[in-house]
Amino acid sequence: KIRCNTCGTVFPTDQPTTIESVCDACAGV
């Protein structure tokens, strides 16, 4: 799982994440 520091939404993931990953909920980069 990953979490957005901006909106607090938690997502399941089985993929790599980076500093350029985009939040699906708030579109934060």
Full PDB file with SEQRES, HELIX, SHEET, SSBOND, CRYST1, ORIGX, SCALE, CONECT and MASTER records, all heavy atoms in Angstrom:
SEQRES   1 A   29  LYS ILE ARG CYS ASN THR CYS GLY THR VAL PHE PRO THR          
SEQRES   2 A   29  ASP GLN PRO THR THR ILE GLU SER VAL CYS ASP ALA CYS          
SEQRES   3 A   29  ALA GLY VAL                                                  
SHEET    1 AA1 2 ILE A   2  ARG A   3  0                                        
SHEET    2 AA1 2 VAL A  10  PHE A  11 -1                                        
CRYST1    1.000    1.000    1.000  90.00  90.00  90.00 P 1           1          
ORIGX1      1.000000  0.000000  0.000000        0.00000                         
ORIGX2      0.000000  1.000000  0.000000        0.00000                         
ORIGX3      0.000000  0.000000  1.000000        0.00000                         
SCALE1      1.000000  0.000000  0.000000        0.00000                         
SCALE2      0.000000  1.000000  0.000000        0.00000                         
SCALE3      0.000000  0.000000  1.000000        0.00000                         
ATOM      1  N   LYS A   1       0.846  -1.192   0.000  1.00  0.00           N  
ATOM      2  CA  LYS A   1       0.000   0.000   0.000  1.00  0.00           C  
ATOM      3  C   LYS A   1       0.882   1.243   0.000  1.00  0.00           C  
ATOM      4  O   LYS A   1       1.996   1.234   0.527  1.00  0.00           O  
ATOM      5  CB  LYS A   1      -0.927   0.026   1.220  1.00  0.00           C  
ATOM      6  CG  LYS A   1      -2.036  -1.007   1.175  1.00  0.00           C  
ATOM      7  CD  LYS A   1      -2.972  -0.883   2.373  1.00  0.00           C  
ATOM      8  CE  LYS A   1      -4.102  -1.912   2.304  1.00  0.00           C  
ATOM      9  NZ  LYS A   1      -5.014  -1.809   3.486  1.00  0.00           N  
ATOM     10  N   ILE A   2       0.373   2.312  -0.609  1.00  0.00           N  
ATOM     11  CA  ILE A   2       1.042   3.608  -0.574  1.00  0.00           C  
ATOM     12  C   ILE A   2       0.051   4.650  -0.063  1.00  0.00           C  
ATOM     13  O   ILE A   2      -1.165   4.450  -0.123  1.00  0.00           O  
ATOM     14  CB  ILE A   2       1.575   4.013  -1.963  1.00  0.00           C  
ATOM     15  CG1 ILE A   2       0.462   3.921  -3.022  1.00  0.00           C  
ATOM     16  CG2 ILE A   2       2.783   3.163  -2.347  1.00  0.00           C  
ATOM     17  CD1 ILE A   2       0.878   4.437  -4.387  1.00  0.00           C  
ATOM     18  N   ARG A   3       0.592   5.755   0.436  1.00  0.00           N  
ATOM     19  CA  ARG A   3      -0.255   6.797   1.024  1.00  0.00           C  
ATOM     20  C   ARG A   3       0.173   8.159   0.478  1.00  0.00           C  
ATOM     21  O   ARG A   3       1.372   8.413   0.294  1.00  0.00           O  
ATOM     22  CB  ARG A   3      -0.137   6.768   2.546  1.00  0.00           C  
ATOM     23  CG  ARG A   3      -0.992   7.797   3.249  1.00  0.00           C  
ATOM     24  CD  ARG A   3      -1.093   7.519   4.737  1.00  0.00           C  
ATOM     25  NE  ARG A   3       0.053   7.976   5.503  1.00  0.00           N  
ATOM     26  CZ  ARG A   3       0.904   7.184   6.134  1.00  0.00           C  
ATOM     27  NH1 ARG A   3       0.766   5.866   6.052  1.00  0.00           N  
ATOM     28  NH2 ARG A   3       1.890   7.690   6.828  1.00  0.00           N  
ATOM     29  N   CYS A   4      -0.796   9.004   0.249  1.00  0.00           N  
ATOM     30  CA  CYS A   4      -0.517  10.359  -0.220  1.00  0.00           C  
ATOM     31  C   CYS A   4      -0.339  11.281   0.973  1.00  0.00           C  
ATOM     32  O   CYS A   4      -1.234  11.393   1.824  1.00  0.00           O  
ATOM     33  CB  CYS A   4      -1.656  10.858  -1.110  1.00  0.00           C  
ATOM     34  SG  CYS A   4      -1.407  12.549  -1.705  1.00  0.00           S  
ATOM     35  N   ASN A   5       0.795  11.964   1.031  1.00  0.00           N  
ATOM     36  CA  ASN A   5       1.055  12.910   2.115  1.00  0.00           C  
ATOM     37  C   ASN A   5       0.187  14.157   2.020  1.00  0.00           C  
ATOM     38  O   ASN A   5       0.016  14.868   3.001  1.00  0.00           O  
ATOM     39  CB  ASN A   5       2.532  13.328   2.111  1.00  0.00           C  
ATOM     40  CG  ASN A   5       3.402  12.399   2.942  1.00  0.00           C  
ATOM     41  OD1 ASN A   5       2.927  11.739   3.857  1.00  0.00           O  
ATOM     42  ND2 ASN A   5       4.680  12.341   2.602  1.00  0.00           N  
ATOM     43  N   THR A   6      -0.371  14.404   0.848  1.00  0.00           N  
ATOM     44  CA  THR A   6      -1.175  15.610   0.657  1.00  0.00           C  
ATOM     45  C   THR A   6      -2.622  15.399   1.065  1.00  0.00           C  
ATOM     46  O   THR A   6      -3.172  16.145   1.872  1.00  0.00           O  
ATOM     47  CB  THR A   6      -1.119  16.062  -0.813  1.00  0.00           C  
ATOM     48  OG1 THR A   6       0.232  16.352  -1.167  1.00  0.00           O  
ATOM     49  CG2 THR A   6      -1.967  17.316  -1.018  1.00  0.00           C  
ATOM     50  N   CYS A   7      -3.262  14.348   0.525  1.00  0.00           N  
ATOM     51  CA  CYS A   7      -4.690  14.145   0.804  1.00  0.00           C  
ATOM     52  C   CYS A   7      -4.965  12.999   1.764  1.00  0.00           C  
ATOM     53  O   CYS A   7      -6.100  12.817   2.207  1.00  0.00           O  
ATOM     54  CB  CYS A   7      -5.460  13.932  -0.496  1.00  0.00           C  
ATOM     55  SG  CYS A   7      -5.074  12.389  -1.376  1.00  0.00           S  
ATOM     56  N   GLY A   8      -3.955  12.187   2.073  1.00  0.00           N  
ATOM     57  CA  GLY A   8      -4.115  11.103   3.035  1.00  0.00           C  
ATOM     58  C   GLY A   8      -4.715   9.834   2.482  1.00  0.00           C  
ATOM     59  O   GLY A   8      -4.896   8.864   3.226  1.00  0.00           O  
ATOM     60  N   THR A   9      -5.015   9.788   1.194  1.00  0.00           N  
ATOM     61  CA  THR A   9      -5.604   8.601   0.591  1.00  0.00           C  
ATOM     62  C   THR A   9      -4.595   7.456   0.553  1.00  0.00           C  
ATOM     63  O   THR A   9      -3.420   7.670   0.253  1.00  0.00           O  
ATOM     64  CB  THR A   9      -6.089   8.897  -0.843  1.00  0.00           C  
ATOM     65  OG1 THR A   9      -6.981  10.014  -0.814  1.00  0.00           O  
ATOM     66  CG2 THR A   9      -6.799   7.687  -1.440  1.00  0.00           C  
ATOM     67  N   VAL A  10      -5.071   6.253   0.863  1.00  0.00           N  
ATOM     68  CA  VAL A  10      -4.237   5.053   0.837  1.00  0.00           C  
ATOM     69  C   VAL A  10      -4.660   4.196  -0.355  1.00  0.00           C  
ATOM     70  O   VAL A  10      -5.857   3.983  -0.588  1.00  0.00           O  
ATOM     71  CB  VAL A  10      -4.376   4.250   2.145  1.00  0.00           C  
ATOM     72  CG1 VAL A  10      -3.577   2.952   2.077  1.00  0.00           C  
ATOM     73  CG2 VAL A  10      -3.923   5.095   3.326  1.00  0.00           C  
ATOM     74  N   PHE A  11      -3.670   3.720  -1.115  1.00  0.00           N  
ATOM     75  CA  PHE A  11      -3.932   2.929  -2.308  1.00  0.00           C  
ATOM     76  C   PHE A  11      -3.204   1.592  -2.221  1.00  0.00           C  
ATOM     77  O   PHE A  11      -2.073   1.540  -1.749  1.00  0.00           O  
ATOM     78  CB  PHE A  11      -3.402   3.631  -3.569  1.00  0.00           C  
ATOM     79  CG  PHE A  11      -3.901   5.033  -3.777  1.00  0.00           C  
ATOM     80  CD1 PHE A  11      -3.187   6.109  -3.275  1.00  0.00           C  
ATOM     81  CD2 PHE A  11      -5.062   5.270  -4.485  1.00  0.00           C  
ATOM     82  CE1 PHE A  11      -3.628   7.398  -3.475  1.00  0.00           C  
ATOM     83  CE2 PHE A  11      -5.511   6.559  -4.695  1.00  0.00           C  
ATOM     84  CZ  PHE A  11      -4.791   7.630  -4.184  1.00  0.00           C  
ATOM     85  N   PRO A  12      -3.811   0.529  -2.726  1.00  0.00           N  
ATOM     86  CA  PRO A  12      -3.043  -0.709  -2.913  1.00  0.00           C  
ATOM     87  C   PRO A  12      -2.106  -0.543  -4.097  1.00  0.00           C  
ATOM     88  O   PRO A  12      -2.425   0.173  -5.061  1.00  0.00           O  
ATOM     89  CB  PRO A  12      -4.119  -1.758  -3.201  1.00  0.00           C  
ATOM     90  CG  PRO A  12      -5.256  -0.972  -3.797  1.00  0.00           C  
ATOM     91  CD  PRO A  12      -5.220   0.377  -3.139  1.00  0.00           C  
ATOM     92  N   THR A  13      -0.942  -1.171  -4.049  1.00  0.00           N  
ATOM     93  CA  THR A  13      -0.034  -1.123  -5.187  1.00  0.00           C  
ATOM     94  C   THR A  13       0.869  -2.341  -5.211  1.00  0.00           C  
ATOM     95  O   THR A  13       1.250  -2.853  -4.154  1.00  0.00           O  
ATOM     96  CB  THR A  13       0.845   0.144  -5.168  1.00  0.00           C  
ATOM     97  OG1 THR A  13       1.593   0.220  -6.393  1.00  0.00           O  
ATOM     98  CG2 THR A  13       1.831   0.128  -4.003  1.00  0.00           C  
ATOM     99  N   ASP A  14       1.157  -2.807  -6.408  1.00  0.00           N  
ATOM    100  CA  ASP A  14       2.179  -3.832  -6.583  1.00  0.00           C  
ATOM    101  C   ASP A  14       3.242  -3.330  -7.552  1.00  0.00           C  
ATOM    102  O   ASP A  14       4.034  -4.108  -8.078  1.00  0.00           O  
ATOM    103  CB  ASP A  14       1.569  -5.150  -7.085  1.00  0.00           C  
ATOM    104  CG  ASP A  14       0.812  -4.993  -8.401  1.00  0.00           C  
ATOM    105  OD1 ASP A  14       0.817  -3.876  -8.976  1.00  0.00           O  
ATOM    106  OD2 ASP A  14       0.220  -5.985  -8.856  1.00  0.00           O  
ATOM    107  N   GLN A  15       3.246  -2.007  -7.780  1.00  0.00           N  
ATOM    108  CA  GLN A  15       4.154  -1.400  -8.732  1.00  0.00           C  
ATOM    109  C   GLN A  15       5.188  -0.517  -8.030  1.00  0.00           C  
ATOM    110  O   GLN A  15       4.953  -0.034  -6.926  1.00  0.00           O  
ATOM    111  CB  GLN A  15       3.359  -0.541  -9.734  1.00  0.00           C  
ATOM    112  CG  GLN A  15       2.359  -1.326 -10.557  1.00  0.00           C  
ATOM    113  CD  GLN A  15       3.012  -2.395 -11.409  1.00  0.00           C  
ATOM    114  OE1 GLN A  15       4.014  -2.133 -12.076  1.00  0.00           O  
ATOM    115  NE2 GLN A  15       2.450  -3.598 -11.393  1.00  0.00           N  
ATOM    116  N   PRO A  16       6.334  -0.265  -8.692  1.00  0.00           N  
ATOM    117  CA  PRO A  16       7.325   0.657  -8.117  1.00  0.00           C  
ATOM    118  C   PRO A  16       6.767   2.080  -8.019  1.00  0.00           C  
ATOM    119  O   PRO A  16       5.900   2.477  -8.810  1.00  0.00           O  
ATOM    120  CB  PRO A  16       8.486   0.594  -9.120  1.00  0.00           C  
ATOM    121  CG  PRO A  16       8.276  -0.670  -9.887  1.00  0.00           C  
ATOM    122  CD  PRO A  16       6.801  -0.882  -9.942  1.00  0.00           C  
ATOM    123  N   THR A  17       7.253   2.839  -7.071  1.00  0.00           N  
ATOM    124  CA  THR A  17       6.892   4.243  -6.937  1.00  0.00           C  
ATOM    125  C   THR A  17       8.163   5.086  -6.977  1.00  0.00           C  
ATOM    126  O   THR A  17       9.254   4.599  -6.657  1.00  0.00           O  
ATOM    127  CB  THR A  17       6.143   4.517  -5.626  1.00  0.00           C  
ATOM    128  OG1 THR A  17       6.946   4.078  -4.516  1.00  0.00           O  
ATOM    129  CG2 THR A  17       4.807   3.778  -5.594  1.00  0.00           C  
ATOM    130  N   THR A  18       8.017   6.351  -7.371  1.00  0.00           N  
ATOM    131  CA  THR A  18       9.150   7.271  -7.440  1.00  0.00           C  
ATOM    132  C   THR A  18       8.701   8.637  -6.945  1.00  0.00           C  
ATOM    133  O   THR A  18       7.519   8.859  -6.636  1.00  0.00           O  
ATOM    134  CB  THR A  18       9.669   7.423  -8.888  1.00  0.00           C  
ATOM    135  OG1 THR A  18       8.718   8.185  -9.666  1.00  0.00           O  
ATOM    136  CG2 THR A  18       9.878   6.057  -9.540  1.00  0.00           C  
ATOM    137  N   ILE A  19       9.640   9.581  -6.923  1.00  0.00           N  
ATOM    138  CA  ILE A  19       9.295  10.952  -6.528  1.00  0.00           C  
ATOM    139  C   ILE A  19       8.441  11.631  -7.587  1.00  0.00           C  
ATOM    140  O   ILE A  19       7.889  12.713  -7.336  1.00  0.00           O  
ATOM    141  CB  ILE A  19      10.563  11.795  -6.250  1.00  0.00           C  
ATOM    142  CG1 ILE A  19      11.461  11.834  -7.491  1.00  0.00           C  
ATOM    143  CG2 ILE A  19      11.313  11.247  -5.045  1.00  0.00           C  
ATOM    144  CD1 ILE A  19      12.642  12.777  -7.344  1.00  0.00           C  
ATOM    145  N   GLU A  20       8.285  11.003  -8.737  1.00  0.00           N  
ATOM    146  CA  GLU A  20       7.458  11.565  -9.799  1.00  0.00           C  
ATOM    147  C   GLU A  20       6.086  10.895  -9.889  1.00  0.00           C  
ATOM    148  O   GLU A  20       5.265  11.260 -10.732  1.00  0.00           O  
ATOM    149  CB  GLU A  20       8.174  11.432 -11.147  1.00  0.00           C  
ATOM    150  CG  GLU A  20       9.492  12.201 -11.211  1.00  0.00           C  
ATOM    151  CD  GLU A  20      10.223  11.997 -12.513  1.00  0.00           C  
ATOM    152  OE1 GLU A  20       9.790  11.126 -13.312  1.00  0.00           O  
ATOM    153  OE2 GLU A  20      11.219  12.694 -12.752  1.00  0.00           O  
ATOM    154  N   SER A  21       5.820   9.929  -9.008  1.00  0.00           N  
ATOM    155  CA  SER A  21       4.523   9.249  -9.026  1.00  0.00           C  
ATOM    156  C   SER A  21       3.402  10.235  -8.701  1.00  0.00           C  
ATOM    157  O   SER A  21       3.572  11.160  -7.894  1.00  0.00           O  
ATOM    158  CB  SER A  21       4.514   8.096  -8.034  1.00  0.00           C  
ATOM    159  OG  SER A  21       5.437   7.099  -8.411  1.00  0.00           O  
ATOM    160  N   VAL A  22       2.249  10.032  -9.334  1.00  0.00           N  
ATOM    161  CA  VAL A  22       1.115  10.942  -9.197  1.00  0.00           C  
ATOM    162  C   VAL A  22       0.021  10.281  -8.362  1.00  0.00           C  
ATOM    163  O   VAL A  22      -0.325   9.113  -8.581  1.00  0.00           O  
ATOM    164  CB  VAL A  22       0.552  11.321 -10.583  1.00  0.00           C  
ATOM    165  CG1 VAL A  22      -0.657  12.243 -10.440  1.00  0.00           C  
ATOM    166  CG2 VAL A  22       1.628  11.985 -11.429  1.00  0.00           C  
ATOM    167  N   CYS A  23      -0.530  11.009  -7.418  1.00  0.00           N  
ATOM    168  CA  CYS A  23      -1.642  10.507  -6.595  1.00  0.00           C  
ATOM    169  C   CYS A  23      -2.904  10.428  -7.442  1.00  0.00           C  
ATOM    170  O   CYS A  23      -3.313  11.407  -8.079  1.00  0.00           O  
ATOM    171  CB  CYS A  23      -1.860  11.435  -5.402  1.00  0.00           C  
ATOM    172  SG  CYS A  23      -3.305  11.001  -4.405  1.00  0.00           S  
ATOM    173  N   ASP A  24      -3.548   9.266  -7.443  1.00  0.00           N  
ATOM    174  CA  ASP A  24      -4.770   9.072  -8.224  1.00  0.00           C  
ATOM    175  C   ASP A  24      -5.951   9.868  -7.669  1.00  0.00           C  
ATOM    176  O   ASP A  24      -6.928  10.105  -8.382  1.00  0.00           O  
ATOM    177  CB  ASP A  24      -5.145   7.590  -8.260  1.00  0.00           C  
ATOM    178  CG  ASP A  24      -4.194   6.765  -9.105  1.00  0.00           C  
ATOM    179  OD1 ASP A  24      -3.498   7.359  -9.962  1.00  0.00           O  
ATOM    180  OD2 ASP A  24      -4.137   5.540  -8.907  1.00  0.00           O  
ATOM    181  N   ALA A  25      -5.870  10.271  -6.401  1.00  0.00           N  
ATOM    182  CA  ALA A  25      -6.993  10.969  -5.780  1.00  0.00           C  
ATOM    183  C   ALA A  25      -6.907  12.487  -5.950  1.00  0.00           C  
ATOM    184  O   ALA A  25      -7.880  13.130  -6.327  1.00  0.00           O  
ATOM    185  CB  ALA A  25      -7.079  10.624  -4.299  1.00  0.00           C  
ATOM    186  N   CYS A  26      -5.729  13.059  -5.681  1.00  0.00           N  
ATOM    187  CA  CYS A  26      -5.616  14.525  -5.720  1.00  0.00           C  
ATOM    188  C   CYS A  26      -4.704  15.027  -6.829  1.00  0.00           C  
ATOM    189  O   CYS A  26      -4.526  16.238  -6.977  1.00  0.00           O  
ATOM    190  CB  CYS A  26      -5.144  15.059  -4.377  1.00  0.00           C  
ATOM    191  SG  CYS A  26      -3.406  14.673  -3.972  1.00  0.00           S  
ATOM    192  N   ALA A  27      -4.100  14.095  -7.583  1.00  0.00           N  
ATOM    193  CA  ALA A  27      -3.204  14.434  -8.702  1.00  0.00           C  
ATOM    194  C   ALA A  27      -1.919  15.102  -8.251  1.00  0.00           C  
ATOM    195  O   ALA A  27      -1.194  15.684  -9.065  1.00  0.00           O  
ATOM    196  CB  ALA A  27      -3.919  15.302  -9.737  1.00  0.00           C  
ATOM    197  N   GLY A  28      -1.614  15.011  -6.964  1.00  0.00           N  
ATOM    198  CA  GLY A  28      -0.366  15.569  -6.477  1.00  0.00           C  
ATOM    199  C   GLY A  28       0.824  14.772  -6.991  1.00  0.00           C  
ATOM    200  O   GLY A  28       0.767  13.545  -7.084  1.00  0.00           O  
ATOM    201  N   VAL A  29       1.897  15.475  -7.325  1.00  0.00           N  
ATOM    202  CA  VAL A  29       3.110  14.837  -7.828  1.00  0.00           C  
ATOM    203  C   VAL A  29       4.158  14.812  -6.716  1.00  0.00           C  
ATOM    204  O   VAL A  29       4.395  15.828  -6.049  1.00  0.00           O  
ATOM    205  CB  VAL A  29       3.672  15.596  -9.046  1.00  0.00           C  
ATOM    206  CG1 VAL A  29       4.959  14.941  -9.538  1.00  0.00           C  
ATOM    207  CG2 VAL A  29       2.640  15.644 -10.167  1.00  0.00           C  
TER     208      VAL A  29                                                      
MASTER        0    0    0    0    2    0    0    6  207    1    0    3          
END                                                                             
